Amino acid sequence: MFQRDLTLEARPRGFHLVTREIENAIPELRSLRIGLIHLLIRHTSASLTLNENASPDVRRDFTSWIDASVPERPTSHAWTHTTEGADDMPAHIKGSITGFDLTIPVRNGRFHLGTWQGIYLCEHRDHGGARSLTATGWGDSG
């Protein structure tokens, strides 16, 4: 069993494929024959999800859909939590929709994902900065 904190580089608003970046930041992963990794993003204005890893169109469509679904300036009301900017409260809602954690199986030292699956960093702020994650892993290294 192990736990490691890692930092993802700052990215602009959008959905970003980060599977390899996360795998590379967890050297202990390579020692697991079978197991699980739990990933928690330690922010409320960015999130994690698992989806299509081949076509960048999917990530652009996710961004378009979520920005339209949770607009910064809704027509029916005004956000009251705006201290950190117009994108802050919508970012919190978007994060709750997409989720702050993932649990992923490990096989032979790598994430055991489907052929077309990858981990997305969902950056919901215009300038969210670097993002901190905690990875907790357990399994059999024999």
N, C-alpha and C. Protein backbone atom coordinates (compact mmCIF):
# COMPACT_ATOMS: atom_id res chain seq x y z
N MET A 1 0.86 -1.18 0.00
CA MET A 1 0.00 0.00 0.00
C MET A 1 0.90 1.23 0.00
N PHE A 2 0.47 2.26 -0.70
CA PHE A 2 1.24 3.50 -0.75
C PHE A 2 0.31 4.67 -1.00
N GLN A 3 0.84 5.84 -0.72
CA GLN A 3 0.12 7.08 -1.02
C GLN A 3 1.14 8.12 -1.47
N ARG A 4 0.80 8.82 -2.53
CA ARG A 4 1.71 9.81 -3.11
C ARG A 4 0.90 11.03 -3.54
N ASP A 5 1.43 12.21 -3.24
CA ASP A 5 0.85 13.46 -3.76
C ASP A 5 1.58 13.81 -5.04
N LEU A 6 0.84 14.29 -6.02
CA LEU A 6 1.42 14.70 -7.28
C LEU A 6 0.76 15.98 -7.77
N THR A 7 1.44 16.66 -8.66
CA THR A 7 0.94 17.93 -9.19
C THR A 7 0.89 17.85 -10.70
N LEU A 8 -0.26 18.22 -11.26
CA LEU A 8 -0.42 18.32 -12.70
C LEU A 8 -0.15 19.75 -13.12
N GLU A 9 0.51 19.92 -14.24
CA GLU A 9 0.83 21.27 -14.71
C GLU A 9 -0.44 22.06 -14.98
N ALA A 10 -0.34 23.37 -14.90
CA ALA A 10 -1.48 24.26 -15.16
C ALA A 10 -1.92 24.12 -16.60
N ARG A 11 -3.23 24.12 -16.79
CA ARG A 11 -3.81 24.03 -18.13
C ARG A 11 -4.96 25.02 -18.24
N PRO A 12 -5.31 25.41 -19.45
CA PRO A 12 -6.46 26.31 -19.62
C PRO A 12 -7.77 25.55 -19.40
N ARG A 13 -8.84 26.28 -19.35
CA ARG A 13 -10.15 25.67 -19.21
C ARG A 13 -10.34 24.62 -20.30
N GLY A 14 -10.88 23.47 -19.91
CA GLY A 14 -11.14 22.41 -20.88
C GLY A 14 -10.91 21.05 -20.27
N PHE A 15 -11.02 20.04 -21.11
CA PHE A 15 -10.85 18.65 -20.71
C PHE A 15 -9.54 18.16 -21.33
N HIS A 16 -8.61 17.71 -20.47
CA HIS A 16 -7.26 17.40 -20.91
C HIS A 16 -6.90 15.96 -20.56
N LEU A 17 -6.37 15.23 -21.52
CA LEU A 17 -5.95 13.85 -21.33
C LEU A 17 -4.65 13.84 -20.51
N VAL A 18 -4.67 13.21 -19.33
CA VAL A 18 -3.53 13.24 -18.42
C VAL A 18 -3.10 11.84 -17.95
N THR A 19 -3.55 10.81 -18.62
CA THR A 19 -3.27 9.43 -18.18
C THR A 19 -1.78 9.19 -18.00
N ARG A 20 -1.00 9.43 -19.03
CA ARG A 20 0.45 9.16 -18.97
C ARG A 20 1.15 10.04 -17.94
N GLU A 21 0.73 11.30 -17.83
CA GLU A 21 1.33 12.20 -16.85
C GLU A 21 1.12 11.65 -15.43
N ILE A 22 -0.05 11.14 -15.16
CA ILE A 22 -0.33 10.59 -13.83
C ILE A 22 0.44 9.29 -13.63
N GLU A 23 0.40 8.39 -14.61
CA GLU A 23 1.16 7.14 -14.49
C GLU A 23 2.64 7.41 -14.22
N ASN A 24 3.22 8.35 -14.94
CA ASN A 24 4.64 8.65 -14.79
C ASN A 24 4.96 9.28 -13.43
N ALA A 25 3.98 9.90 -12.80
CA ALA A 25 4.20 10.56 -11.51
C ALA A 25 4.05 9.61 -10.33
N ILE A 26 3.70 8.34 -10.61
CA ILE A 26 3.50 7.35 -9.55
C ILE A 26 4.45 6.17 -9.80
N PRO A 27 5.71 6.28 -9.42
CA PRO A 27 6.65 5.19 -9.68
C PRO A 27 6.26 3.87 -9.00
N GLU A 28 5.57 3.95 -7.87
CA GLU A 28 5.13 2.74 -7.15
C GLU A 28 4.18 1.90 -7.98
N LEU A 29 3.50 2.53 -8.91
CA LEU A 29 2.54 1.82 -9.77
C LEU A 29 3.20 0.65 -10.48
N ARG A 30 4.44 0.85 -10.93
CA ARG A 30 5.15 -0.18 -11.70
C ARG A 30 5.39 -1.46 -10.91
N SER A 31 5.33 -1.37 -9.58
CA SER A 31 5.57 -2.55 -8.76
C SER A 31 4.31 -3.40 -8.55
N LEU A 32 3.15 -2.90 -8.94
CA LEU A 32 1.91 -3.65 -8.73
C LEU A 32 1.62 -4.61 -9.89
N ARG A 33 1.44 -5.89 -9.55
CA ARG A 33 1.02 -6.86 -10.56
C ARG A 33 -0.49 -6.72 -10.79
N ILE A 34 -1.23 -6.68 -9.70
CA ILE A 34 -2.67 -6.37 -9.74
C ILE A 34 -2.98 -5.46 -8.56
N GLY A 35 -3.96 -4.60 -8.73
CA GLY A 35 -4.33 -3.72 -7.63
C GLY A 35 -5.28 -2.64 -8.07
N LEU A 36 -5.38 -1.63 -7.24
CA LEU A 36 -6.25 -0.48 -7.48
C LEU A 36 -5.49 0.79 -7.13
N ILE A 37 -5.79 1.84 -7.87
CA ILE A 37 -5.30 3.18 -7.56
C ILE A 37 -6.53 4.08 -7.39
N HIS A 38 -6.56 4.77 -6.28
CA HIS A 38 -7.61 5.77 -6.07
C HIS A 38 -6.96 7.13 -6.27
N LEU A 39 -7.55 7.95 -7.13
CA LEU A 39 -7.06 9.30 -7.40
C LEU A 39 -8.07 10.31 -6.88
N LEU A 40 -7.61 11.28 -6.11
CA LEU A 40 -8.45 12.37 -5.61
C LEU A 40 -7.81 13.67 -6.03
N ILE A 41 -8.57 14.52 -6.71
CA ILE A 41 -8.09 15.87 -7.01
C ILE A 41 -8.48 16.75 -5.83
N ARG A 42 -7.52 17.47 -5.29
CA ARG A 42 -7.74 18.23 -4.06
C ARG A 42 -8.14 19.67 -4.36
N HIS A 43 -9.13 19.81 -5.21
CA HIS A 43 -9.66 21.12 -5.59
C HIS A 43 -11.16 20.97 -5.80
N THR A 44 -11.89 22.08 -5.73
CA THR A 44 -13.33 22.05 -5.99
C THR A 44 -13.70 22.75 -7.29
N SER A 45 -12.71 23.23 -8.03
CA SER A 45 -13.00 23.91 -9.30
C SER A 45 -12.34 23.21 -10.48
N ALA A 46 -11.87 21.99 -10.25
CA ALA A 46 -11.36 21.11 -11.29
C ALA A 46 -11.76 19.71 -10.88
N SER A 47 -11.78 18.78 -11.83
CA SER A 47 -12.25 17.44 -11.51
C SER A 47 -11.56 16.42 -12.39
N LEU A 48 -11.93 15.16 -12.18
CA LEU A 48 -11.38 14.05 -12.95
C LEU A 48 -12.52 13.24 -13.54
N THR A 49 -12.31 12.71 -14.73
CA THR A 49 -13.27 11.77 -15.30
C THR A 49 -12.52 10.85 -16.24
N LEU A 50 -13.18 9.79 -16.62
CA LEU A 50 -12.60 8.79 -17.51
C LEU A 50 -13.44 8.74 -18.77
N ASN A 51 -12.77 8.84 -19.94
CA ASN A 51 -13.53 8.80 -21.19
C ASN A 51 -12.61 8.54 -22.36
N GLU A 52 -13.09 8.79 -23.55
CA GLU A 52 -12.43 8.57 -24.85
C GLU A 52 -11.04 9.20 -24.90
N ASN A 53 -10.04 8.40 -25.28
CA ASN A 53 -8.68 8.93 -25.29
C ASN A 53 -8.09 9.16 -26.67
N ALA A 54 -8.84 8.89 -27.73
CA ALA A 54 -8.26 8.99 -29.08
C ALA A 54 -8.60 10.31 -29.78
N SER A 55 -9.84 10.70 -29.76
CA SER A 55 -10.26 11.87 -30.52
C SER A 55 -10.33 13.13 -29.66
N PRO A 56 -9.56 14.16 -30.00
CA PRO A 56 -9.66 15.42 -29.26
C PRO A 56 -11.03 16.07 -29.41
N ASP A 57 -11.80 15.68 -30.43
CA ASP A 57 -13.15 16.21 -30.59
C ASP A 57 -14.02 15.91 -29.37
N VAL A 58 -13.82 14.74 -28.77
CA VAL A 58 -14.61 14.38 -27.59
C VAL A 58 -14.34 15.36 -26.46
N ARG A 59 -13.09 15.69 -26.24
CA ARG A 59 -12.75 16.62 -25.16
C ARG A 59 -13.29 18.02 -25.45
N ARG A 60 -13.24 18.45 -26.71
CA ARG A 60 -13.82 19.75 -27.08
C ARG A 60 -15.34 19.74 -26.88
N ASP A 61 -15.99 18.64 -27.25
CA ASP A 61 -17.44 18.54 -27.07
C ASP A 61 -17.83 18.54 -25.60
N PHE A 62 -17.03 17.88 -24.75
CA PHE A 62 -17.28 17.94 -23.31
C PHE A 62 -17.22 19.38 -22.83
N THR A 63 -16.19 20.11 -23.24
CA THR A 63 -16.05 21.50 -22.83
C THR A 63 -17.24 22.33 -23.28
N SER A 64 -17.64 22.18 -24.53
CA SER A 64 -18.79 22.93 -25.05
C SER A 64 -20.05 22.62 -24.28
N TRP A 65 -20.28 21.33 -24.02
CA TRP A 65 -21.51 20.91 -23.34
C TRP A 65 -21.54 21.45 -21.91
N ILE A 66 -20.45 21.26 -21.17
CA ILE A 66 -20.50 21.66 -19.76
C ILE A 66 -20.54 23.18 -19.60
N ASP A 67 -19.86 23.91 -20.48
CA ASP A 67 -19.92 25.38 -20.40
C ASP A 67 -21.32 25.90 -20.74
N ALA A 68 -22.00 25.24 -21.68
CA ALA A 68 -23.37 25.64 -22.00
C ALA A 68 -24.35 25.23 -20.90
N SER A 69 -24.10 24.09 -20.27
CA SER A 69 -25.00 23.59 -19.22
C SER A 69 -24.90 24.38 -17.93
N VAL A 70 -23.71 24.87 -17.62
CA VAL A 70 -23.48 25.65 -16.40
C VAL A 70 -22.79 26.95 -16.81
N PRO A 71 -23.55 27.91 -17.31
CA PRO A 71 -22.96 29.16 -17.81
C PRO A 71 -22.49 30.07 -16.67
N GLU A 72 -21.51 30.90 -16.99
CA GLU A 72 -21.02 31.87 -16.00
C GLU A 72 -22.04 32.95 -15.71
N ARG A 73 -22.80 33.31 -16.70
CA ARG A 73 -23.82 34.36 -16.54
C ARG A 73 -25.18 33.80 -16.96
N PRO A 74 -25.82 33.03 -16.07
CA PRO A 74 -27.11 32.44 -16.41
C PRO A 74 -28.18 33.50 -16.63
N THR A 75 -29.13 33.20 -17.47
CA THR A 75 -30.19 34.17 -17.76
C THR A 75 -31.27 34.18 -16.69
N SER A 76 -31.42 33.09 -15.93
CA SER A 76 -32.51 33.01 -14.96
C SER A 76 -32.16 33.50 -13.56
N HIS A 77 -30.89 33.67 -13.26
CA HIS A 77 -30.47 34.10 -11.92
C HIS A 77 -29.03 34.59 -11.99
N ALA A 78 -28.54 35.08 -10.87
CA ALA A 78 -27.14 35.48 -10.77
C ALA A 78 -26.48 34.64 -9.68
N TRP A 79 -25.24 34.24 -9.91
CA TRP A 79 -24.50 33.52 -8.88
C TRP A 79 -24.19 34.49 -7.73
N THR A 80 -24.27 34.01 -6.49
CA THR A 80 -23.93 34.84 -5.34
C THR A 80 -22.48 34.63 -4.90
N HIS A 81 -21.92 33.47 -5.20
CA HIS A 81 -20.51 33.18 -4.86
C HIS A 81 -19.64 33.60 -6.04
N THR A 82 -19.18 34.84 -6.00
CA THR A 82 -18.38 35.38 -7.12
C THR A 82 -17.08 36.04 -6.64
N THR A 83 -16.70 35.81 -5.40
CA THR A 83 -15.52 36.46 -4.83
C THR A 83 -14.27 36.22 -5.67
N GLU A 84 -14.13 35.01 -6.20
CA GLU A 84 -12.93 34.66 -6.97
C GLU A 84 -13.13 34.81 -8.47
N GLY A 85 -14.22 35.41 -8.89
CA GLY A 85 -14.46 35.64 -10.31
C GLY A 85 -15.71 34.96 -10.82
N ALA A 86 -16.12 35.35 -12.00
CA ALA A 86 -17.36 34.84 -12.60
C ALA A 86 -17.29 33.35 -12.91
N ASP A 87 -16.09 32.80 -13.07
CA ASP A 87 -15.99 31.38 -13.41
C ASP A 87 -15.92 30.48 -12.18
N ASP A 88 -15.90 31.05 -10.96
CA ASP A 88 -15.68 30.24 -9.77
C ASP A 88 -16.88 29.36 -9.40
N MET A 89 -18.04 29.93 -9.19
CA MET A 89 -19.20 29.12 -8.80
C MET A 89 -19.57 28.12 -9.89
N PRO A 90 -19.59 28.49 -11.16
CA PRO A 90 -19.84 27.48 -12.19
C PRO A 90 -18.81 26.36 -12.15
N ALA A 91 -17.55 26.68 -11.83
CA ALA A 91 -16.51 25.65 -11.74
C ALA A 91 -16.82 24.66 -10.63
N HIS A 92 -17.33 25.14 -9.49
CA HIS A 92 -17.69 24.23 -8.39
C HIS A 92 -18.81 23.28 -8.82
N ILE A 93 -19.81 23.80 -9.50
CA ILE A 93 -20.92 22.96 -9.96
C ILE A 93 -20.42 21.94 -10.99
N LYS A 94 -19.60 22.39 -11.94
CA LYS A 94 -19.06 21.49 -12.96
C LYS A 94 -18.24 20.38 -12.32
N GLY A 95 -17.47 20.73 -11.29
CA GLY A 95 -16.69 19.72 -10.59
C GLY A 95 -17.56 18.68 -9.93
N SER A 96 -18.66 19.13 -9.32
CA SER A 96 -19.57 18.18 -8.68
C SER A 96 -20.25 17.27 -9.71
N ILE A 97 -20.51 17.80 -10.88
CA ILE A 97 -21.13 16.98 -11.94
C ILE A 97 -20.16 15.90 -12.42
N THR A 98 -18.91 16.27 -12.66
CA THR A 98 -17.96 15.32 -13.23
C THR A 98 -17.24 14.49 -12.18
N GLY A 99 -17.07 14.96 -10.97
CA GLY A 99 -16.51 14.16 -9.90
C GLY A 99 -15.07 14.49 -9.57
N PHE A 100 -14.71 14.26 -8.30
CA PHE A 100 -13.40 14.63 -7.80
C PHE A 100 -12.47 13.43 -7.60
N ASP A 101 -12.96 12.22 -7.89
CA ASP A 101 -12.10 11.06 -7.69
C ASP A 101 -12.40 9.95 -8.69
N LEU A 102 -11.42 9.09 -8.86
CA LEU A 102 -11.53 7.90 -9.71
C LEU A 102 -10.84 6.74 -8.98
N THR A 103 -11.35 5.54 -9.17
CA THR A 103 -10.68 4.33 -8.73
C THR A 103 -10.44 3.49 -9.97
N ILE A 104 -9.18 3.14 -10.21
CA ILE A 104 -8.78 2.51 -11.46
C ILE A 104 -8.04 1.21 -11.17
N PRO A 105 -8.37 0.13 -11.87
CA PRO A 105 -7.62 -1.11 -11.68
C PRO A 105 -6.21 -0.99 -12.27
N VAL A 106 -5.30 -1.75 -11.68
CA VAL A 106 -3.91 -1.80 -12.15
C VAL A 106 -3.61 -3.25 -12.54
N ARG A 107 -2.93 -3.41 -13.66
CA ARG A 107 -2.45 -4.73 -14.08
C ARG A 107 -1.05 -4.57 -14.66
N ASN A 108 -0.13 -5.36 -14.14
CA ASN A 108 1.25 -5.37 -14.63
C ASN A 108 1.88 -3.97 -14.67
N GLY A 109 1.67 -3.22 -13.59
CA GLY A 109 2.35 -1.95 -13.44
C GLY A 109 1.79 -0.77 -14.20
N ARG A 110 0.59 -0.93 -14.77
CA ARG A 110 -0.02 0.17 -15.53
C ARG A 110 -1.51 0.22 -15.21
N PHE A 111 -2.11 1.37 -15.46
CA PHE A 111 -3.57 1.44 -15.35
C PHE A 111 -4.17 0.44 -16.33
N HIS A 112 -5.15 -0.31 -15.87
CA HIS A 112 -5.81 -1.29 -16.74
C HIS A 112 -7.13 -0.69 -17.24
N LEU A 113 -7.01 0.11 -18.31
CA LEU A 113 -8.14 0.82 -18.89
C LEU A 113 -8.56 0.16 -20.19
N GLY A 114 -9.74 0.50 -20.66
CA GLY A 114 -10.19 0.03 -21.96
C GLY A 114 -9.34 0.64 -23.07
N THR A 115 -9.41 0.03 -24.24
CA THR A 115 -8.60 0.46 -25.39
C THR A 115 -8.73 1.95 -25.66
N TRP A 116 -9.92 2.49 -25.54
CA TRP A 116 -10.16 3.89 -25.89
C TRP A 116 -10.44 4.75 -24.67
N GLN A 117 -9.93 4.36 -23.51
CA GLN A 117 -10.19 5.11 -22.28
C GLN A 117 -8.94 5.85 -21.81
N GLY A 118 -9.15 7.04 -21.28
CA GLY A 118 -8.09 7.82 -20.69
C GLY A 118 -8.63 8.69 -19.57
N ILE A 119 -7.73 9.14 -18.72
CA ILE A 119 -8.10 10.00 -17.59
C ILE A 119 -8.04 11.44 -18.06
N TYR A 120 -9.11 12.17 -17.77
CA TYR A 120 -9.18 13.60 -18.10
C TYR A 120 -9.01 14.43 -16.83
N LEU A 121 -8.21 15.47 -16.94
CA LEU A 121 -8.28 16.58 -15.99
C LEU A 121 -9.33 17.51 -16.57
N CYS A 122 -10.36 17.78 -15.82
CA CYS A 122 -11.42 18.70 -16.23
C CYS A 122 -11.13 20.04 -15.55
N GLU A 123 -10.56 20.95 -16.30
CA GLU A 123 -10.22 22.26 -15.75
C GLU A 123 -11.39 23.19 -16.00
N HIS A 124 -12.04 23.65 -14.93
CA HIS A 124 -13.25 24.45 -15.05
C HIS A 124 -13.02 25.94 -14.86
N ARG A 125 -11.79 26.35 -14.58
CA ARG A 125 -11.47 27.76 -14.43
C ARG A 125 -10.66 28.22 -15.63
N ASP A 126 -10.71 29.53 -15.91
CA ASP A 126 -9.89 30.07 -16.99
C ASP A 126 -8.41 29.98 -16.65
N HIS A 127 -8.07 30.22 -15.38
CA HIS A 127 -6.67 30.18 -14.94
C HIS A 127 -6.61 29.44 -13.61
N GLY A 128 -6.84 28.15 -13.66
CA GLY A 128 -6.91 27.37 -12.42
C GLY A 128 -5.57 27.08 -11.77
N GLY A 129 -4.50 27.12 -12.55
CA GLY A 129 -3.19 26.84 -12.00
C GLY A 129 -2.89 25.35 -11.95
N ALA A 130 -1.75 25.03 -11.35
CA ALA A 130 -1.37 23.63 -11.18
C ALA A 130 -2.40 22.95 -10.28
N ARG A 131 -2.62 21.66 -10.52
CA ARG A 131 -3.64 20.94 -9.74
C ARG A 131 -3.00 19.79 -8.97
N SER A 132 -3.38 19.67 -7.69
CA SER A 132 -2.82 18.67 -6.79
C SER A 132 -3.72 17.45 -6.70
N LEU A 133 -3.10 16.28 -6.77
CA LEU A 133 -3.81 15.02 -6.65
C LEU A 133 -3.16 14.19 -5.57
N THR A 134 -3.94 13.31 -4.95
CA THR A 134 -3.41 12.28 -4.07
C THR A 134 -3.76 10.95 -4.71
N ALA A 135 -2.74 10.11 -4.86
CA ALA A 135 -2.91 8.76 -5.39
C ALA A 135 -2.66 7.78 -4.25
N THR A 136 -3.64 6.92 -4.01
CA THR A 136 -3.49 5.87 -3.00
C THR A 136 -3.60 4.54 -3.72
N GLY A 137 -2.60 3.69 -3.55
CA GLY A 137 -2.58 2.42 -4.26
C GLY A 137 -2.43 1.25 -3.31
N TRP A 138 -3.02 0.16 -3.71
CA TRP A 138 -2.88 -1.08 -2.96
C TRP A 138 -3.04 -2.24 -3.92
N GLY A 139 -2.43 -3.36 -3.58
CA GLY A 139 -2.52 -4.53 -4.43
C GLY A 139 -1.40 -5.50 -4.16
N ASP A 140 -1.19 -6.41 -5.12
CA ASP A 140 -0.22 -7.48 -5.01
C ASP A 140 0.96 -7.19 -5.93
N SER A 141 2.14 -7.18 -5.36
CA SER A 141 3.32 -6.94 -6.18
C SER A 141 4.06 -8.26 -6.47
N GLY A 142 3.47 -9.37 -6.03
CA GLY A 142 4.13 -10.68 -6.22
C GLY A 142 3.93 -11.20 -7.54
